[in-house]
Amino acid sequence: MLQITVCDDNRRDLKNCADQIRQCADKNKIEIELSCYESAESLLFDLYECGHHADILYLDIIMEKTSGMDAAQAFRDQGSHAQIVFLTSTPDYMGQAFDVEAVQYLIKGKITEEEFEQTFLRAVNQVESQKDTYFVCEFNSSVTSIPFRCITYFEVINRKILLHHTYNSEPVCFYGKMSDLEEDLSSEEFLRIHRSYLVHLPYIARFCSQKVVLQDTTELPIGRKYIDRVKGRFCHYITQNHIYLPKGGIKL
């Protein structure tokens, strides 16, 4: 079932957008769960406090306090891969839409039902083409699965491993050894930075001399014996993925 979120501070426009989405979903036999917000503040509260997840985001841009563009950037900063559709009253922010990788930019009052449906189906197809692989673990007879793309880092405490993620607010706990986990995830984008931490590279915002800072501002220490390997792996990652670094590069 697709999780679709609509945010618009104009109640009539919010209802119209939600109604059109439901019609498109019914017509194309697509199961959805729709969440509606009348302000970006309430949406971001759920994002930060409850780990709100969305497969597709429909956002107005010009809202009273926080803009839809800022809300979109907040989702990206939290690691969200949601398909973003801007549905707004002005073309003035079209250039900025590329910065948050929006799938479409629509102008209110100038879009036909057919164009709305085409955009909806395009976003759905994008979601389907990026179907997740999952990390599955068991603790106290409870089995949990988390999309790999949502995992920020693993932390070991005694014999337990905590899986930190953006999928919802609570870390997932399971029994295991960090060395086994590191070996199992060797082909993925995970980096051992300390005997207690295994970090997902896309969530690293920056390196300092003895720590990494994640996108959500979490700071994790780098173990002394890991520094050279961390530097090498991270440099390889940013080169391979064509990530721009400001002048001065990385200091470790």
C-alpha atoms as a PDB file:
ATOM      1  CA  MET A   1       0.000   0.000   0.000  1.00  0.00           C
ATOM      2  CA  LEU A   2       1.383   3.392  -1.007  1.00  0.00           C
ATOM      3  CA  GLN A   3       1.704   6.075   1.654  1.00  0.00           C
ATOM      4  CA  ILE A   4       0.707   9.429   0.128  1.00  0.00           C
ATOM      5  CA  THR A   5       0.864  12.764   1.947  1.00  0.00           C
ATOM      6  CA  VAL A   6      -0.730  16.065   0.906  1.00  0.00           C
ATOM      7  CA  CYS A   7       0.145  19.388   2.550  1.00  0.00           C
ATOM      8  CA  ASP A   8      -1.618  22.659   1.692  1.00  0.00           C
ATOM      9  CA  ASP A   9      -2.739  25.474   3.989  1.00  0.00           C
ATOM     10  CA  ASN A  10      -5.730  26.195   1.737  1.00  0.00           C
ATOM     11  CA  ARG A  11      -8.407  23.775   2.936  1.00  0.00           C
ATOM     12  CA  ARG A  12     -10.304  23.780  -0.369  1.00  0.00           C
ATOM     13  CA  ASP A  13      -7.165  23.080  -2.414  1.00  0.00           C
ATOM     14  CA  LEU A  14      -6.155  20.385   0.062  1.00  0.00           C
ATOM     15  CA  LYS A  15      -9.509  18.631  -0.343  1.00  0.00           C
ATOM     16  CA  ASN A  16      -9.447  18.948  -4.139  1.00  0.00           C
ATOM     17  CA  CYS A  17      -5.980  17.428  -4.348  1.00  0.00           C
ATOM     18  CA  ALA A  18      -6.886  14.589  -1.988  1.00  0.00           C
ATOM     19  CA  ASP A  19     -10.082  13.862  -3.951  1.00  0.00           C
ATOM     20  CA  GLN A  20      -8.176  13.730  -7.249  1.00  0.00           C
ATOM     21  CA  ILE A  21      -5.592  11.378  -5.777  1.00  0.00           C
ATOM     22  CA  ARG A  22      -8.323   9.035  -4.522  1.00  0.00           C
ATOM     23  CA  GLN A  23     -10.009   9.086  -7.942  1.00  0.00           C
ATOM     24  CA  CYS A  24      -6.744   8.255  -9.714  1.00  0.00           C
ATOM     25  CA  ALA A  25      -6.002   5.467  -7.250  1.00  0.00           C
ATOM     26  CA  ASP A  26      -9.498   3.960  -7.574  1.00  0.00           C
ATOM     27  CA  LYS A  27      -9.439   4.182 -11.369  1.00  0.00           C
ATOM     28  CA  ASN A  28      -6.070   2.428 -11.599  1.00  0.00           C
ATOM     29  CA  LYS A  29      -6.764  -0.042  -8.747  1.00  0.00           C
ATOM     30  CA  ILE A  30      -3.881   1.220  -6.622  1.00  0.00           C
ATOM     31  CA  GLU A  31      -4.107   0.811  -2.847  1.00  0.00           C
ATOM     32  CA  ILE A  32      -3.164   3.971  -0.979  1.00  0.00           C
ATOM     33  CA  GLU A  33      -3.192   5.422   2.509  1.00  0.00           C
ATOM     34  CA  LEU A  34      -3.696   9.183   2.379  1.00  0.00           C
ATOM     35  CA  SER A  35      -2.549  11.679   5.027  1.00  0.00           C
ATOM     36  CA  CYS A  36      -3.522  15.362   4.823  1.00  0.00           C
ATOM     37  CA  TYR A  37      -1.892  18.324   6.574  1.00  0.00           C
ATOM     38  CA  GLU A  38      -2.993  21.972   6.660  1.00  0.00           C
ATOM     39  CA  SER A  39       0.470  23.292   7.519  1.00  0.00           C
ATOM     40  CA  ALA A  40       4.080  22.363   6.925  1.00  0.00           C
ATOM     41  CA  GLU A  41       4.691  22.726  10.665  1.00  0.00           C
ATOM     42  CA  SER A  42       2.293  19.893  11.523  1.00  0.00           C
ATOM     43  CA  LEU A  43       3.800  17.735   8.776  1.00  0.00           C
ATOM     44  CA  LEU A  44       7.352  18.337   9.989  1.00  0.00           C
ATOM     45  CA  PHE A  45       6.314  17.672  13.588  1.00  0.00           C
ATOM     46  CA  ASP A  46       5.185  14.197  12.525  1.00  0.00           C
ATOM     47  CA  LEU A  47       8.379  13.762  10.492  1.00  0.00           C
ATOM     48  CA  TYR A  48      10.689  14.605  13.398  1.00  0.00           C
ATOM     49  CA  GLU A  49       8.671  13.212  16.303  1.00  0.00           C
ATOM     50  CA  CYS A  50       6.966  10.196  14.730  1.00  0.00           C
ATOM     51  CA  GLY A  51       9.197   9.385  11.763  1.00  0.00           C
ATOM     52  CA  HIS A  52       6.379  10.094   9.283  1.00  0.00           C
ATOM     53  CA  HIS A  53       6.946   8.050   6.126  1.00  0.00           C
ATOM     54  CA  ALA A  54       5.662   8.974   2.675  1.00  0.00           C
ATOM     55  CA  ASP A  55       6.126   7.318  -0.699  1.00  0.00           C
ATOM     56  CA  ILE A  56       4.664  10.341  -2.516  1.00  0.00           C
ATOM     57  CA  LEU A  57       4.451  13.933  -1.240  1.00  0.00           C
ATOM     58  CA  TYR A  58       2.112  16.547  -2.728  1.00  0.00           C
ATOM     59  CA  LEU A  59       3.184  19.964  -1.445  1.00  0.00           C
ATOM     60  CA  ASP A  60       1.981  23.509  -1.873  1.00  0.00           C
ATOM     61  CA  ILE A  61       4.951  25.885  -1.759  1.00  0.00           C
ATOM     62  CA  ILE A  62       3.591  29.217  -0.546  1.00  0.00           C
ATOM     63  CA  MET A  63       2.259  28.622   2.949  1.00  0.00           C
ATOM     64  CA  GLU A  64       1.897  30.949   5.904  1.00  0.00           C
ATOM     65  CA  LYS A  65       4.991  30.031   7.940  1.00  0.00           C
ATOM     66  CA  THR A  66       7.116  27.166   6.669  1.00  0.00           C
ATOM     67  CA  SER A  67       7.129  26.776   2.889  1.00  0.00           C
ATOM     68  CA  GLY A  68       6.550  23.551   1.019  1.00  0.00           C
ATOM     69  CA  MET A  69      10.064  23.856  -0.401  1.00  0.00           C
ATOM     70  CA  ASP A  70      11.499  23.907   3.126  1.00  0.00           C
ATOM     71  CA  ALA A  71       9.347  20.909   4.035  1.00  0.00           C
ATOM     72  CA  ALA A  72      10.614  19.025   0.980  1.00  0.00           C
ATOM     73  CA  GLN A  73      14.210  19.799   1.935  1.00  0.00           C
ATOM     74  CA  ALA A  74      13.553  18.589   5.489  1.00  0.00           C
ATOM     75  CA  PHE A  75      12.355  15.241   4.145  1.00  0.00           C
ATOM     76  CA  ARG A  76      15.449  14.942   1.969  1.00  0.00           C
ATOM     77  CA  ASP A  77      17.680  15.848   4.920  1.00  0.00           C
ATOM     78  CA  GLN A  78      16.081  13.004   6.877  1.00  0.00           C
ATOM     79  CA  GLY A  79      16.935  10.567   4.103  1.00  0.00           C
ATOM     80  CA  SER A  80      13.484  10.361   2.530  1.00  0.00           C
ATOM     81  CA  HIS A  81      13.304   9.081  -1.049  1.00  0.00           C
ATOM     82  CA  ALA A  82       9.674  10.153  -1.452  1.00  0.00           C
ATOM     83  CA  GLN A  83       8.475  11.220  -4.886  1.00  0.00           C
ATOM     84  CA  ILE A  84       7.724  14.939  -4.506  1.00  0.00           C
ATOM     85  CA  VAL A  85       5.040  16.725  -6.513  1.00  0.00           C
ATOM     86  CA  PHE A  86       4.681  20.477  -6.073  1.00  0.00           C
ATOM     87  CA  LEU A  87       1.148  21.742  -6.690  1.00  0.00           C
ATOM     88  CA  THR A  88       1.276  25.491  -6.242  1.00  0.00           C
ATOM     89  CA  SER A  89       0.077  28.835  -7.584  1.00  0.00           C
ATOM     90  CA  THR A  90       3.276  30.240  -9.117  1.00  0.00           C
ATOM     91  CA  PRO A  91       6.088  29.024 -11.387  1.00  0.00           C
ATOM     92  CA  ASP A  92       8.621  31.183  -9.504  1.00  0.00           C
ATOM     93  CA  TYR A  93      10.148  28.273  -7.566  1.00  0.00           C
ATOM     94  CA  MET A  94      10.451  25.830 -10.435  1.00  0.00           C
ATOM     95  CA  GLY A  95      14.240  26.022 -10.453  1.00  0.00           C
ATOM     96  CA  GLN A  96      14.457  25.145  -6.754  1.00  0.00           C
ATOM     97  CA  ALA A  97      12.316  22.067  -7.341  1.00  0.00           C
ATOM     98  CA  PHE A  98      15.292  20.406  -9.031  1.00  0.00           C
ATOM     99  CA  ASP A  99      17.329  20.781  -5.836  1.00  0.00           C
ATOM    100  CA  VAL A 100      14.963  18.446  -3.970  1.00  0.00           C
ATOM    101  CA  GLU A 101      14.543  16.114  -6.970  1.00  0.00           C
ATOM    102  CA  ALA A 102      10.842  16.792  -7.470  1.00  0.00           C
ATOM    103  CA  VAL A 103       9.125  14.475  -9.931  1.00  0.00           C
ATOM    104  CA  GLN A 104       6.791  17.239 -11.178  1.00  0.00           C
ATOM    105  CA  TYR A 105       5.884  20.901 -10.690  1.00  0.00           C
ATOM    106  CA  LEU A 106       2.211  21.684 -11.303  1.00  0.00           C
ATOM    107  CA  ILE A 107       0.424  25.044 -11.383  1.00  0.00           C
ATOM    108  CA  LYS A 108      -2.944  25.215  -9.641  1.00  0.00           C
ATOM    109  CA  GLY A 109      -5.841  25.970 -11.965  1.00  0.00           C
ATOM    110  CA  LYS A 110      -3.812  25.196 -15.087  1.00  0.00           C
ATOM    111  CA  ILE A 111      -3.647  21.421 -14.945  1.00  0.00           C
ATOM    112  CA  THR A 112      -6.160  19.064 -16.522  1.00  0.00           C
ATOM    113  CA  GLU A 113      -7.460  15.878 -14.906  1.00  0.00           C
ATOM    114  CA  GLU A 114      -5.499  13.887 -17.477  1.00  0.00           C
ATOM    115  CA  GLU A 115      -2.256  15.702 -16.615  1.00  0.00           C
ATOM    116  CA  PHE A 116      -2.891  15.188 -12.896  1.00  0.00           C
ATOM    117  CA  GLU A 117      -3.404  11.459 -13.458  1.00  0.00           C
ATOM    118  CA  GLN A 118      -0.275  11.205 -15.617  1.00  0.00           C
ATOM    119  CA  THR A 119       1.766  12.831 -12.857  1.00  0.00           C
ATOM    120  CA  PHE A 120       0.235  10.525 -10.244  1.00  0.00           C
ATOM    121  CA  LEU A 121       1.042   7.410 -12.290  1.00  0.00           C
ATOM    122  CA  ARG A 122       4.549   8.651 -12.999  1.00  0.00           C
ATOM    123  CA  ALA A 123       5.184   9.079  -9.273  1.00  0.00           C
ATOM    124  CA  VAL A 124       3.708   5.634  -8.551  1.00  0.00           C
ATOM    125  CA  ASN A 125       5.930   4.048 -11.211  1.00  0.00           C
ATOM    126  CA  GLN A 126       8.970   5.750  -9.708  1.00  0.00           C
ATOM    127  CA  VAL A 127       8.116   4.315  -6.299  1.00  0.00           C
ATOM    128  CA  GLU A 128       7.611   0.846  -7.769  1.00  0.00           C
ATOM    129  CA  SER A 129      10.935   1.013  -9.620  1.00  0.00           C
ATOM    130  CA  GLN A 130      12.730   1.765  -6.355  1.00  0.00           C
ATOM    131  CA  LYS A 131      11.252  -1.043  -4.295  1.00  0.00           C
ATOM    132  CA  ASP A 132      13.151  -1.588  -1.121  1.00  0.00           C
ATOM    133  CA  THR A 133      15.267  -4.435   0.051  1.00  0.00           C
ATOM    134  CA  TYR A 134      14.840  -5.036   3.764  1.00  0.00           C
ATOM    135  CA  PHE A 135      16.957  -5.824   6.780  1.00  0.00           C
ATOM    136  CA  VAL A 136      15.078  -8.400   8.865  1.00  0.00           C
ATOM    137  CA  CYS A 137      15.816  -9.146  12.516  1.00  0.00           C
ATOM    138  CA  GLU A 138      14.153 -10.928  15.437  1.00  0.00           C
ATOM    139  CA  PHE A 139      13.955 -10.039  19.122  1.00  0.00           C
ATOM    140  CA  ASN A 140      11.739 -11.594  21.814  1.00  0.00           C
ATOM    141  CA  SER A 141       9.789 -13.586  19.189  1.00  0.00           C
ATOM    142  CA  SER A 142       9.015 -10.383  17.266  1.00  0.00           C
ATOM    143  CA  VAL A 143      10.252 -10.063  13.676  1.00  0.00           C
ATOM    144  CA  THR A 144      10.939  -6.580  12.288  1.00  0.00           C
ATOM    145  CA  SER A 145      11.863  -5.497   8.757  1.00  0.00           C
ATOM    146  CA  ILE A 146      13.371  -2.094   7.931  1.00  0.00           C
ATOM    147  CA  PRO A 147      14.223  -0.821   4.411  1.00  0.00           C
ATOM    148  CA  PHE A 148      17.997  -0.678   3.994  1.00  0.00           C
ATOM    149  CA  ARG A 149      17.739   2.886   2.668  1.00  0.00           C
ATOM    150  CA  CYS A 150      16.210   3.982   6.004  1.00  0.00           C
ATOM    151  CA  ILE A 151      18.991   2.587   8.211  1.00  0.00           C
ATOM    152  CA  THR A 152      21.283   5.302   9.600  1.00  0.00           C
ATOM    153  CA  TYR A 153      23.593   3.250  11.817  1.00  0.00           C
ATOM    154  CA  PHE A 154      23.969   0.183  14.033  1.00  0.00           C
ATOM    155  CA  GLU A 155      25.114   0.467  17.639  1.00  0.00           C
ATOM    156  CA  VAL A 156      26.221  -2.384  19.887  1.00  0.00           C
ATOM    157  CA  ILE A 157      25.463  -2.289  23.620  1.00  0.00           C
ATOM    158  CA  ASN A 158      26.638  -5.389  25.480  1.00  0.00           C
ATOM    159  CA  ARG A 159      25.242  -8.308  23.438  1.00  0.00           C
ATOM    160  CA  LYS A 160      22.455  -6.277  21.885  1.00  0.00           C
ATOM    161  CA  ILE A 161      22.563  -4.332  18.635  1.00  0.00           C
ATOM    162  CA  LEU A 162      20.408  -1.239  18.164  1.00  0.00           C
ATOM    163  CA  LEU A 163      19.357  -0.422  14.612  1.00  0.00           C
ATOM    164  CA  HIS A 164      18.768   3.329  14.238  1.00  0.00           C
ATOM    165  CA  HIS A 165      16.649   4.377  11.279  1.00  0.00           C
ATOM    166  CA  THR A 166      14.320   6.975   9.754  1.00  0.00           C
ATOM    167  CA  TYR A 167      11.410   4.593   9.134  1.00  0.00           C
ATOM    168  CA  ASN A 168       9.776   5.483  12.451  1.00  0.00           C
ATOM    169  CA  SER A 169      10.869   6.883  15.790  1.00  0.00           C
ATOM    170  CA  GLU A 170      12.021   3.824  17.757  1.00  0.00           C
ATOM    171  CA  PRO A 171      15.361   1.983  17.294  1.00  0.00           C
ATOM    172  CA  VAL A 172      15.095  -1.753  16.664  1.00  0.00           C
ATOM    173  CA  CYS A 173      16.889  -4.118  19.043  1.00  0.00           C
ATOM    174  CA  PHE A 174      18.242  -7.604  18.318  1.00  0.00           C
ATOM    175  CA  TYR A 175      21.005  -9.941  19.476  1.00  0.00           C
ATOM    176  CA  GLY A 176      24.134 -10.259  17.371  1.00  0.00           C
ATOM    177  CA  LYS A 177      27.819  -9.528  16.892  1.00  0.00           C
ATOM    178  CA  MET A 178      28.984  -6.354  15.193  1.00  0.00           C
ATOM    179  CA  SER A 179      31.750  -8.277  13.399  1.00  0.00           C
ATOM    180  CA  ASP A 180      29.186 -10.640  11.840  1.00  0.00           C
ATOM    181  CA  LEU A 181      26.966  -7.712  10.875  1.00  0.00           C
ATOM    182  CA  GLU A 182      29.905  -5.876   9.303  1.00  0.00           C
ATOM    183  CA  GLU A 183      30.768  -8.950   7.234  1.00  0.00           C
ATOM    184  CA  ASP A 184      27.150  -9.504   6.164  1.00  0.00           C
ATOM    185  CA  LEU A 185      26.841  -5.880   5.009  1.00  0.00           C
ATOM    186  CA  SER A 186      30.270  -5.647   3.384  1.00  0.00           C
ATOM    187  CA  SER A 187      28.718  -5.241  -0.080  1.00  0.00           C
ATOM    188  CA  GLU A 188      26.390  -2.468   1.113  1.00  0.00           C
ATOM    189  CA  GLU A 189      27.232   1.169   1.910  1.00  0.00           C
ATOM    190  CA  PHE A 190      28.030   0.561   5.582  1.00  0.00           C
ATOM    191  CA  LEU A 191      31.229   1.641   7.287  1.00  0.00           C
ATOM    192  CA  ARG A 192      32.648   0.441  10.611  1.00  0.00           C
ATOM    193  CA  ILE A 193      33.931   3.544  12.397  1.00  0.00           C
ATOM    194  CA  HIS A 194      34.265   2.194  15.938  1.00  0.00           C
ATOM    195  CA  ARG A 195      33.959  -1.118  17.737  1.00  0.00           C
ATOM    196  CA  SER A 196      30.442   0.000  18.710  1.00  0.00           C
ATOM    197  CA  TYR A 197      29.239   1.670  15.484  1.00  0.00           C
ATOM    198  CA  LEU A 198      28.513   0.656  11.904  1.00  0.00           C
ATOM    199  CA  VAL A 199      27.307   3.671   9.891  1.00  0.00           C
ATOM    200  CA  HIS A 200      25.359   3.963   6.625  1.00  0.00           C
ATOM    201  CA  LEU A 201      27.516   6.177   4.405  1.00  0.00           C
ATOM    202  CA  PRO A 202      24.716   8.217   2.732  1.00  0.00           C
ATOM    203  CA  TYR A 203      23.692   9.584   6.138  1.00  0.00           C
ATOM    204  CA  ILE A 204      27.097  11.024   7.016  1.00  0.00           C
ATOM    205  CA  ALA A 205      26.964  14.814   6.763  1.00  0.00           C
ATOM    206  CA  ARG A 206      30.586  15.540   7.704  1.00  0.00           C
ATOM    207  CA  PHE A 207      33.727  14.298   9.381  1.00  0.00           C
ATOM    208  CA  CYS A 208      35.586  15.962  12.205  1.00  0.00           C
ATOM    209  CA  SER A 209      38.933  14.884  13.604  1.00  0.00           C
ATOM    210  CA  GLN A 210      37.588  12.173  15.907  1.00  0.00           C
ATOM    211  CA  LYS A 211      33.917  11.832  14.998  1.00  0.00           C
ATOM    212  CA  VAL A 212      31.317  11.736  12.246  1.00  0.00           C
ATOM    213  CA  VAL A 213      28.231  13.934  12.228  1.00  0.00           C
ATOM    214  CA  LEU A 214      25.086  12.493  10.682  1.00  0.00           C
ATOM    215  CA  GLN A 215      22.406  14.415   8.809  1.00  0.00           C
ATOM    216  CA  ASP A 216      20.211  14.527  11.919  1.00  0.00           C
ATOM    217  CA  THR A 217      23.190  16.042  13.872  1.00  0.00           C
ATOM    218  CA  THR A 218      23.921  12.795  15.753  1.00  0.00           C
ATOM    219  CA  GLU A 219      27.645  12.661  16.589  1.00  0.00           C
ATOM    220  CA  LEU A 220      29.457   9.315  16.678  1.00  0.00           C
ATOM    221  CA  PRO A 221      33.110   8.767  17.685  1.00  0.00           C
ATOM    222  CA  ILE A 222      35.695   7.292  15.323  1.00  0.00           C
ATOM    223  CA  GLY A 223      37.862   4.635  16.945  1.00  0.00           C
ATOM    224  CA  ARG A 224      41.585   5.339  16.679  1.00  0.00           C
ATOM    225  CA  LYS A 225      42.366   2.116  14.824  1.00  0.00           C
ATOM    226  CA  TYR A 226      39.580   2.803  12.290  1.00  0.00           C
ATOM    227  CA  ILE A 227      40.623   6.326  11.214  1.00  0.00           C
ATOM    228  CA  ASP A 228      42.705   5.391   8.150  1.00  0.00           C
ATOM    229  CA  ARG A 229      40.136   2.906   6.877  1.00  0.00           C
ATOM    230  CA  VAL A 230      37.286   5.361   7.474  1.00  0.00           C
ATOM    231  CA  LYS A 231      39.092   8.062   5.529  1.00  0.00           C
ATOM    232  CA  GLY A 232      39.836   5.719   2.627  1.00  0.00           C
ATOM    233  CA  ARG A 233      36.307   4.300   2.387  1.00  0.00           C
ATOM    234  CA  PHE A 234      34.653   7.686   2.650  1.00  0.00           C
ATOM    235  CA  CYS A 235      36.901   9.258   0.004  1.00  0.00           C
ATOM    236  CA  HIS A 236      36.143   6.340  -2.309  1.00  0.00           C
ATOM    237  CA  TYR A 237      32.414   6.735  -1.651  1.00  0.00           C
ATOM    238  CA  ILE A 238      32.247  10.449  -2.435  1.00  0.00           C
ATOM    239  CA  THR A 239      34.387   9.988  -5.556  1.00  0.00           C
ATOM    240  CA  GLN A 240      32.307   7.083  -6.812  1.00  0.00           C
ATOM    241  CA  ASN A 241      29.062   8.981  -6.228  1.00  0.00           C
ATOM    242  CA  HIS A 242      30.342  12.337  -7.539  1.00  0.00           C
ATOM    243  CA  ILE A 243      29.645  14.134  -4.264  1.00  0.00           C
ATOM    244  CA  TYR A 244      30.991  17.682  -4.140  1.00  0.00           C
ATOM    245  CA  LEU A 245      33.126  18.649  -1.173  1.00  0.00           C
ATOM    246  CA  PRO A 246      33.810  22.286  -0.263  1.00  0.00           C
ATOM    247  CA  LYS A 247      37.342  23.601  -0.552  1.00  0.00           C
ATOM    248  CA  GLY A 248      39.451  22.088   2.174  1.00  0.00           C
ATOM    249  CA  GLY A 249      37.942  18.616   1.831  1.00  0.00           C
ATOM    250  CA  ILE A 250      37.915  16.203   4.730  1.00  0.00           C
ATOM    251  CA  LYS A 251      40.016  16.628   7.819  1.00  0.00           C
ATOM    252  CA  LEU A 252      40.638  13.505   9.845  1.00  0.00           C
END
